[in-house]
Amino acid sequence: MSITFNVLDHEMVPEHSIMNEEEVKSLLETYRITIEQLPKIFHDDPAVRAIKAKPGNVIKIIRSSHTAGRAESYRLVIKRPKK
């Protein structure tokens, strides 16, 4: 018997979404960075798999914050290196 569980439905997992090209361009211009300077997240992370993101995608993660109310962070999806 196989039980499926969507990790995004868990209350402890923040909202994840794939950014489109315009959003990524605006993000990089706003912070004056290159895409390689973004923090990374592996393609096989459960939340990344749940939203069907691929290596090269940039994802936005929105968390609830006690101090800021809402905190956004961004990650570049990369392939996990083989051992």
PDB file of N, CA and C in Angstrom:
ATOM      1  N   MET A   1       0.843  -1.176   0.000  1.00  0.00           N
ATOM      2  CA  MET A   1       0.000   0.000   0.000  1.00  0.00           C
ATOM      3  C   MET A   1       0.888   1.238   0.000  1.00  0.00           C
ATOM      4  N   SER A   2       0.587   2.164  -0.885  1.00  0.00           N
ATOM      5  CA  SER A   2       1.374   3.391  -1.003  1.00  0.00           C
ATOM      6  C   SER A   2       0.547   4.582  -0.535  1.00  0.00           C
ATOM      7  N   ILE A   3       1.117   5.344   0.361  1.00  0.00           N
ATOM      8  CA  ILE A   3       0.438   6.538   0.860  1.00  0.00           C
ATOM      9  C   ILE A   3       1.150   7.752   0.285  1.00  0.00           C
ATOM     10  N   THR A   4       0.385   8.639  -0.330  1.00  0.00           N
ATOM     11  CA  THR A   4       0.985   9.853  -0.878  1.00  0.00           C
ATOM     12  C   THR A   4       0.732  11.007   0.076  1.00  0.00           C
ATOM     13  N   PHE A   5       1.730  11.847   0.215  1.00  0.00           N
ATOM     14  CA  PHE A   5       1.636  12.990   1.115  1.00  0.00           C
ATOM     15  C   PHE A   5       2.220  14.195   0.407  1.00  0.00           C
ATOM     16  N   ASN A   6       1.444  15.255   0.313  1.00  0.00           N
ATOM     17  CA  ASN A   6       1.948  16.488  -0.274  1.00  0.00           C
ATOM     18  C   ASN A   6       2.583  17.317   0.833  1.00  0.00           C
ATOM     19  N   VAL A   7       3.890  17.448   0.778  1.00  0.00           N
ATOM     20  CA  VAL A   7       4.637  18.156   1.817  1.00  0.00           C
ATOM     21  C   VAL A   7       4.166  19.605   1.958  1.00  0.00           C
ATOM     22  N   LEU A   8       3.655  20.198   0.885  1.00  0.00           N
ATOM     23  CA  LEU A   8       3.211  21.592   0.937  1.00  0.00           C
ATOM     24  C   LEU A   8       1.952  21.777   1.783  1.00  0.00           C
ATOM     25  N   ASP A   9       1.259  20.684   2.061  1.00  0.00           N
ATOM     26  CA  ASP A   9       0.063  20.768   2.899  1.00  0.00           C
ATOM     27  C   ASP A   9       0.392  20.835   4.389  1.00  0.00           C
ATOM     28  N   HIS A  10       1.639  20.584   4.745  1.00  0.00           N
ATOM     29  CA  HIS A  10       2.022  20.606   6.162  1.00  0.00           C
ATOM     30  C   HIS A  10       2.151  22.042   6.643  1.00  0.00           C
ATOM     31  N   GLU A  11       1.648  22.312   7.832  1.00  0.00           N
ATOM     32  CA  GLU A  11       1.652  23.678   8.362  1.00  0.00           C
ATOM     33  C   GLU A  11       3.054  24.253   8.588  1.00  0.00           C
ATOM     34  N   MET A  12       4.048  23.400   8.724  1.00  0.00           N
ATOM     35  CA  MET A  12       5.410  23.883   8.962  1.00  0.00           C
ATOM     36  C   MET A  12       6.182  24.193   7.667  1.00  0.00           C
ATOM     37  N   VAL A  13       5.607  23.859   6.520  1.00  0.00           N
ATOM     38  CA  VAL A  13       6.284  24.092   5.238  1.00  0.00           C
ATOM     39  C   VAL A  13       5.769  25.399   4.651  1.00  0.00           C
ATOM     40  N   PRO A  14       6.676  26.371   4.410  1.00  0.00           N
ATOM     41  CA  PRO A  14       6.232  27.647   3.864  1.00  0.00           C
ATOM     42  C   PRO A  14       5.807  27.508   2.403  1.00  0.00           C
ATOM     43  N   GLU A  15       5.150  28.533   1.902  1.00  0.00           N
ATOM     44  CA  GLU A  15       4.694  28.553   0.510  1.00  0.00           C
ATOM     45  C   GLU A  15       5.896  28.617  -0.435  1.00  0.00           C
ATOM     46  N   HIS A  16       5.903  27.772  -1.440  1.00  0.00           N
ATOM     47  CA  HIS A  16       6.948  27.743  -2.474  1.00  0.00           C
ATOM     48  C   HIS A  16       6.286  27.977  -3.824  1.00  0.00           C
ATOM     49  N   SER A  17       6.909  28.801  -4.677  1.00  0.00           N
ATOM     50  CA  SER A  17       6.387  28.992  -6.028  1.00  0.00           C
ATOM     51  C   SER A  17       7.542  29.247  -6.992  1.00  0.00           C
ATOM     52  N   ILE A  18       7.352  28.818  -8.240  1.00  0.00           N
ATOM     53  CA  ILE A  18       8.357  29.033  -9.284  1.00  0.00           C
ATOM     54  C   ILE A  18       8.162  30.441  -9.838  1.00  0.00           C
ATOM     55  N   MET A  19       9.248  31.188  -9.926  1.00  0.00           N
ATOM     56  CA  MET A  19       9.190  32.543 -10.467  1.00  0.00           C
ATOM     57  C   MET A  19       9.314  32.503 -11.993  1.00  0.00           C
ATOM     58  N   ASN A  20       8.614  33.422 -12.676  1.00  0.00           N
ATOM     59  CA  ASN A  20       8.747  33.499 -14.130  1.00  0.00           C
ATOM     60  C   ASN A  20       9.967  34.359 -14.488  1.00  0.00           C
ATOM     61  N   GLU A  21      10.307  34.408 -15.767  1.00  0.00           N
ATOM     62  CA  GLU A  21      11.527  35.104 -16.210  1.00  0.00           C
ATOM     63  C   GLU A  21      11.529  36.581 -15.831  1.00  0.00           C
ATOM     64  N   GLU A  22      10.386  37.248 -15.975  1.00  0.00           N
ATOM     65  CA  GLU A  22      10.299  38.674 -15.632  1.00  0.00           C
ATOM     66  C   GLU A  22      10.541  38.902 -14.144  1.00  0.00           C
ATOM     67  N   GLU A  23       9.957  38.047 -13.308  1.00  0.00           N
ATOM     68  CA  GLU A  23      10.138  38.167 -11.861  1.00  0.00           C
ATOM     69  C   GLU A  23      11.599  37.958 -11.483  1.00  0.00           C
ATOM     70  N   VAL A  24      12.247  36.982 -12.112  1.00  0.00           N
ATOM     71  CA  VAL A  24      13.656  36.705 -11.826  1.00  0.00           C
ATOM     72  C   VAL A  24      14.510  37.895 -12.258  1.00  0.00           C
ATOM     73  N   LYS A  25      14.250  38.428 -13.445  1.00  0.00           N
ATOM     74  CA  LYS A  25      15.005  39.578 -13.949  1.00  0.00           C
ATOM     75  C   LYS A  25      14.878  40.758 -12.990  1.00  0.00           C
ATOM     76  N   SER A  26      13.668  41.023 -12.539  1.00  0.00           N
ATOM     77  CA  SER A  26      13.423  42.124 -11.607  1.00  0.00           C
ATOM     78  C   SER A  26      14.138  41.894 -10.275  1.00  0.00           C
ATOM     79  N   LEU A  27      14.099  40.664  -9.774  1.00  0.00           N
ATOM     80  CA  LEU A  27      14.772  40.314  -8.523  1.00  0.00           C
ATOM     81  C   LEU A  27      16.279  40.573  -8.625  1.00  0.00           C
ATOM     82  N   LEU A  28      16.881  40.084  -9.709  1.00  0.00           N
ATOM     83  CA  LEU A  28      18.329  40.244  -9.892  1.00  0.00           C
ATOM     84  C   LEU A  28      18.714  41.715 -10.046  1.00  0.00           C
ATOM     85  N   GLU A  29      17.894  42.489 -10.749  1.00  0.00           N
ATOM     86  CA  GLU A  29      18.174  43.918 -10.909  1.00  0.00           C
ATOM     87  C   GLU A  29      18.018  44.663  -9.589  1.00  0.00           C
ATOM     88  N   THR A  30      16.978  44.324  -8.827  1.00  0.00           N
ATOM     89  CA  THR A  30      16.731  44.983  -7.547  1.00  0.00           C
ATOM     90  C   THR A  30      17.902  44.806  -6.590  1.00  0.00           C
ATOM     91  N   TYR A  31      18.419  43.591  -6.510  1.00  0.00           N
ATOM     92  CA  TYR A  31      19.502  43.303  -5.569  1.00  0.00           C
ATOM     93  C   TYR A  31      20.886  43.406  -6.196  1.00  0.00           C
ATOM     94  N   ARG A  32      20.916  43.713  -7.505  1.00  0.00           N
ATOM     95  CA  ARG A  32      22.184  43.861  -8.241  1.00  0.00           C
ATOM     96  C   ARG A  32      23.087  42.642  -8.049  1.00  0.00           C
ATOM     97  N   ILE A  33      22.503  41.489  -8.343  1.00  0.00           N
ATOM     98  CA  ILE A  33      23.225  40.225  -8.215  1.00  0.00           C
ATOM     99  C   ILE A  33      23.043  39.417  -9.497  1.00  0.00           C
ATOM    100  N   THR A  34      23.826  38.363  -9.605  1.00  0.00           N
ATOM    101  CA  THR A  34      23.642  37.417 -10.707  1.00  0.00           C
ATOM    102  C   THR A  34      22.881  36.215 -10.167  1.00  0.00           C
ATOM    103  N   ILE A  35      22.344  35.429 -11.054  1.00  0.00           N
ATOM    104  CA  ILE A  35      21.561  34.258 -10.638  1.00  0.00           C
ATOM    105  C   ILE A  35      22.420  33.279  -9.834  1.00  0.00           C
ATOM    106  N   GLU A  36      23.714  33.205 -10.148  1.00  0.00           N
ATOM    107  CA  GLU A  36      24.607  32.290  -9.431  1.00  0.00           C
ATOM    108  C   GLU A  36      24.829  32.713  -7.983  1.00  0.00           C
ATOM    109  N   GLN A  37      24.539  33.969  -7.652  1.00  0.00           N
ATOM    110  CA  GLN A  37      24.733  34.457  -6.284  1.00  0.00           C
ATOM    111  C   GLN A  37      23.549  34.147  -5.362  1.00  0.00           C
ATOM    112  N   LEU A  38      22.461  33.635  -5.933  1.00  0.00           N
ATOM    113  CA  LEU A  38      21.316  33.275  -5.098  1.00  0.00           C
ATOM    114  C   LEU A  38      21.650  32.040  -4.261  1.00  0.00           C
ATOM    115  N   PRO A  39      21.055  31.929  -3.079  1.00  0.00           N
ATOM    116  CA  PRO A  39      21.195  30.684  -2.318  1.00  0.00           C
ATOM    117  C   PRO A  39      20.637  29.535  -3.149  1.00  0.00           C
ATOM    118  N   LYS A  40      21.121  28.337  -2.906  1.00  0.00           N
ATOM    119  CA  LYS A  40      20.749  27.169  -3.712  1.00  0.00           C
ATOM    120  C   LYS A  40      19.809  26.241  -2.941  1.00  0.00           C
ATOM    121  N   ILE A  41      19.060  25.453  -3.698  1.00  0.00           N
ATOM    122  CA  ILE A  41      18.229  24.390  -3.150  1.00  0.00           C
ATOM    123  C   ILE A  41      18.290  23.230  -4.138  1.00  0.00           C
ATOM    124  N   PHE A  42      18.387  22.015  -3.649  1.00  0.00           N
ATOM    125  CA  PHE A  42      18.530  20.859  -4.533  1.00  0.00           C
ATOM    126  C   PHE A  42      17.217  20.484  -5.211  1.00  0.00           C
ATOM    127  N   HIS A  43      17.337  19.973  -6.423  1.00  0.00           N
ATOM    128  CA  HIS A  43      16.185  19.591  -7.240  1.00  0.00           C
ATOM    129  C   HIS A  43      15.349  18.484  -6.606  1.00  0.00           C
ATOM    130  N   ASP A  44      15.948  17.714  -5.704  1.00  0.00           N
ATOM    131  CA  ASP A  44      15.211  16.615  -5.087  1.00  0.00           C
ATOM    132  C   ASP A  44      14.649  16.961  -3.700  1.00  0.00           C
ATOM    133  N   ASP A  45      14.714  18.235  -3.326  1.00  0.00           N
ATOM    134  CA  ASP A  45      14.089  18.685  -2.087  1.00  0.00           C
ATOM    135  C   ASP A  45      12.582  18.399  -2.202  1.00  0.00           C
ATOM    136  N   PRO A  46      11.953  17.883  -1.152  1.00  0.00           N
ATOM    137  CA  PRO A  46      10.535  17.524  -1.257  1.00  0.00           C
ATOM    138  C   PRO A  46       9.624  18.673  -1.717  1.00  0.00           C
ATOM    139  N   ALA A  47       9.857  19.873  -1.243  1.00  0.00           N
ATOM    140  CA  ALA A  47       9.015  21.007  -1.658  1.00  0.00           C
ATOM    141  C   ALA A  47       9.271  21.363  -3.118  1.00  0.00           C
ATOM    142  N   VAL A  48      10.513  21.277  -3.559  1.00  0.00           N
ATOM    143  CA  VAL A  48      10.857  21.557  -4.957  1.00  0.00           C
ATOM    144  C   VAL A  48      10.192  20.526  -5.864  1.00  0.00           C
ATOM    145  N   ARG A  49      10.237  19.281  -5.463  1.00  0.00           N
ATOM    146  CA  ARG A  49       9.579  18.223  -6.248  1.00  0.00           C
ATOM    147  C   ARG A  49       8.071  18.431  -6.289  1.00  0.00           C
ATOM    148  N   ALA A  50       7.491  18.878  -5.174  1.00  0.00           N
ATOM    149  CA  ALA A  50       6.042  19.066  -5.108  1.00  0.00           C
ATOM    150  C   ALA A  50       5.550  20.144  -6.074  1.00  0.00           C
ATOM    151  N   ILE A  51       6.357  21.185  -6.296  1.00  0.00           N
ATOM    152  CA  ILE A  51       5.937  22.244  -7.228  1.00  0.00           C
ATOM    153  C   ILE A  51       6.469  21.989  -8.633  1.00  0.00           C
ATOM    154  N   LYS A  52       7.167  20.863  -8.803  1.00  0.00           N
ATOM    155  CA  LYS A  52       7.701  20.441 -10.105  1.00  0.00           C
ATOM    156  C   LYS A  52       8.714  21.435 -10.684  1.00  0.00           C
ATOM    157  N   ALA A  53       9.543  22.007  -9.804  1.00  0.00           N
ATOM    158  CA  ALA A  53      10.610  22.906 -10.250  1.00  0.00           C
ATOM    159  C   ALA A  53      11.772  22.085 -10.801  1.00  0.00           C
ATOM    160  N   LYS A  54      12.475  22.647 -11.733  1.00  0.00           N
ATOM    161  CA  LYS A  54      13.601  21.990 -12.400  1.00  0.00           C
ATOM    162  C   LYS A  54      14.878  22.788 -12.144  1.00  0.00           C
ATOM    163  N   PRO A  55      16.056  22.147 -12.293  1.00  0.00           N
ATOM    164  CA  PRO A  55      17.306  22.895 -12.160  1.00  0.00           C
ATOM    165  C   PRO A  55      17.298  24.104 -13.094  1.00  0.00           C
ATOM    166  N   GLY A  56      17.710  25.243 -12.543  1.00  0.00           N
ATOM    167  CA  GLY A  56      17.701  26.494 -13.293  1.00  0.00           C
ATOM    168  C   GLY A  56      16.523  27.384 -12.932  1.00  0.00           C
ATOM    169  N   ASN A  57      15.461  26.786 -12.356  1.00  0.00           N
ATOM    170  CA  ASN A  57      14.325  27.597 -11.904  1.00  0.00           C
ATOM    171  C   ASN A  57      14.724  28.353 -10.643  1.00  0.00           C
ATOM    172  N   VAL A  58      14.097  29.509 -10.451  1.00  0.00           N
ATOM    173  CA  VAL A  58      14.246  30.244  -9.198  1.00  0.00           C
ATOM    174  C   VAL A  58      12.905  30.144  -8.491  1.00  0.00           C
ATOM    175  N   ILE A  59      12.953  29.783  -7.219  1.00  0.00           N
ATOM    176  CA  ILE A  59      11.718  29.679  -6.455  1.00  0.00           C
ATOM    177  C   ILE A  59      11.679  30.745  -5.377  1.00  0.00           C
ATOM    178  N   LYS A  60      10.455  31.214  -5.120  1.00  0.00           N
ATOM    179  CA  LYS A  60      10.223  32.177  -4.046  1.00  0.00           C
ATOM    180  C   LYS A  60       9.600  31.412  -2.899  1.00  0.00           C
ATOM    181  N   ILE A  61      10.110  31.641  -1.705  1.00  0.00           N
ATOM    182  CA  ILE A  61       9.608  30.988  -0.502  1.00  0.00           C
ATOM    183  C   ILE A  61       9.075  32.080   0.419  1.00  0.00           C
ATOM    184  N   ILE A  62       7.809  31.961   0.801  1.00  0.00           N
ATOM    185  CA  ILE A  62       7.183  32.967   1.663  1.00  0.00           C
ATOM    186  C   ILE A  62       6.882  32.328   3.004  1.00  0.00           C
ATOM    187  N   ARG A  63       7.494  32.902   4.043  1.00  0.00           N
ATOM    188  CA  ARG A  63       7.314  32.391   5.404  1.00  0.00           C
ATOM    189  C   ARG A  63       6.600  33.434   6.258  1.00  0.00           C
ATOM    190  N   SER A  64       5.886  32.966   7.256  1.00  0.00           N
ATOM    191  CA  SER A  64       5.362  33.870   8.278  1.00  0.00           C
ATOM    192  C   SER A  64       6.513  34.219   9.204  1.00  0.00           C
ATOM    193  N   SER A  65       6.573  35.486   9.595  1.00  0.00           N
ATOM    194  CA  SER A  65       7.655  35.940  10.462  1.00  0.00           C
ATOM    195  C   SER A  65       7.056  36.708  11.633  1.00  0.00           C
ATOM    196  N   HIS A  66       7.535  36.398  12.830  1.00  0.00           N
ATOM    197  CA  HIS A  66       7.042  37.107  14.012  1.00  0.00           C
ATOM    198  C   HIS A  66       7.443  38.573  13.986  1.00  0.00           C
ATOM    199  N   THR A  67       8.592  38.881  13.405  1.00  0.00           N
ATOM    200  CA  THR A  67       9.071  40.263  13.394  1.00  0.00           C
ATOM    201  C   THR A  67       8.650  41.034  12.154  1.00  0.00           C
ATOM    202  N   ALA A  68       8.682  40.392  10.998  1.00  0.00           N
ATOM    203  CA  ALA A  68       8.368  41.086   9.747  1.00  0.00           C
ATOM    204  C   ALA A  68       6.940  40.822   9.267  1.00  0.00           C
ATOM    205  N   GLY A  69       6.285  39.843   9.840  1.00  0.00           N
ATOM    206  CA  GLY A  69       4.952  39.476   9.374  1.00  0.00           C
ATOM    207  C   GLY A  69       5.020  38.493   8.218  1.00  0.00           C
ATOM    208  N   ARG A  70       5.810  38.853   7.208  1.00  0.00           N
ATOM    209  CA  ARG A  70       5.970  38.009   6.023  1.00  0.00           C
ATOM    210  C   ARG A  70       7.405  38.161   5.548  1.00  0.00           C
ATOM    211  N   ALA A  71       8.066  37.062   5.326  1.00  0.00           N
ATOM    212  CA  ALA A  71       9.465  37.097   4.877  1.00  0.00           C
ATOM    213  C   ALA A  71       9.584  36.301   3.585  1.00  0.00           C
ATOM    214  N   GLU A  72      10.142  36.942   2.551  1.00  0.00           N
ATOM    215  CA  GLU A  72      10.357  36.271   1.272  1.00  0.00           C
ATOM    216  C   GLU A  72      11.828  35.910   1.137  1.00  0.00           C
ATOM    217  N   SER A  73      12.081  34.730   0.608  1.00  0.00           N
ATOM    218  CA  SER A  73      13.450  34.344   0.274  1.00  0.00           C
ATOM    219  C   SER A  73      13.418  33.676  -1.092  1.00  0.00           C
ATOM    220  N   TYR A  74      14.580  33.563  -1.703  1.00  0.00           N
ATOM    221  CA  TYR A  74      14.675  33.076  -3.070  1.00  0.00           C
ATOM    222  C   TYR A  74      15.774  32.037  -3.149  1.00  0.00           C
ATOM    223  N   ARG A  75      15.555  31.008  -3.957  1.00  0.00           N
ATOM    224  CA  ARG A  75      16.538  29.940  -4.118  1.00  0.00           C
ATOM    225  C   ARG A  75      16.629  29.543  -5.577  1.00  0.00           C
ATOM    226  N   LEU A  76      17.847  29.260  -6.019  1.00  0.00           N
ATOM    227  CA  LEU A  76      18.091  28.715  -7.339  1.00  0.00           C
ATOM    228  C   LEU A  76      18.097  27.203  -7.227  1.00  0.00           C
ATOM    229  N   VAL A  77      17.288  26.545  -8.032  1.00  0.00           N
ATOM    230  CA  VAL A  77      17.229  25.086  -8.008  1.00  0.00           C
ATOM    231  C   VAL A  77      18.431  24.532  -8.774  1.00  0.00           C
ATOM    232  N   ILE A  78      19.186  23.653  -8.097  1.00  0.00           N
ATOM    233  CA  ILE A  78      20.346  23.015  -8.731  1.00  0.00           C
ATOM    234  C   ILE A  78      20.235  21.508  -8.593  1.00  0.00           C
ATOM    235  N   LYS A  79      20.925  20.821  -9.455  1.00  0.00           N
ATOM    236  CA  LYS A  79      20.966  19.358  -9.402  1.00  0.00           C
ATOM    237  C   LYS A  79      21.949  18.933  -8.321  1.00  0.00           C
ATOM    238  N   ARG A  80      21.565  17.955  -7.540  1.00  0.00           N
ATOM    239  CA  ARG A  80      22.458  17.441  -6.500  1.00  0.00           C
ATOM    240  C   ARG A  80      23.639  16.733  -7.161  1.00  0.00           C
ATOM    241  N   PRO A  81      24.869  17.068  -6.767  1.00  0.00           N
ATOM    242  CA  PRO A  81      26.026  16.400  -7.364  1.00  0.00           C
ATOM    243  C   PRO A  81      26.042  14.909  -7.053  1.00  0.00           C
ATOM    244  N   LYS A  82      26.473  14.126  -8.008  1.00  0.00           N
ATOM    245  CA  LYS A  82      26.584  12.679  -7.788  1.00  0.00           C
ATOM    246  C   LYS A  82      27.854  12.389  -7.018  1.00  0.00           C
ATOM    247  N   LYS A  83      27.788  11.373  -6.172  1.00  0.00           N
ATOM    248  CA  LYS A  83      28.950  11.005  -5.355  1.00  0.00           C
ATOM    249  C   LYS A  83      29.890  10.135  -6.130  1.00  0.00           C
TER     250      LYS A  83
END
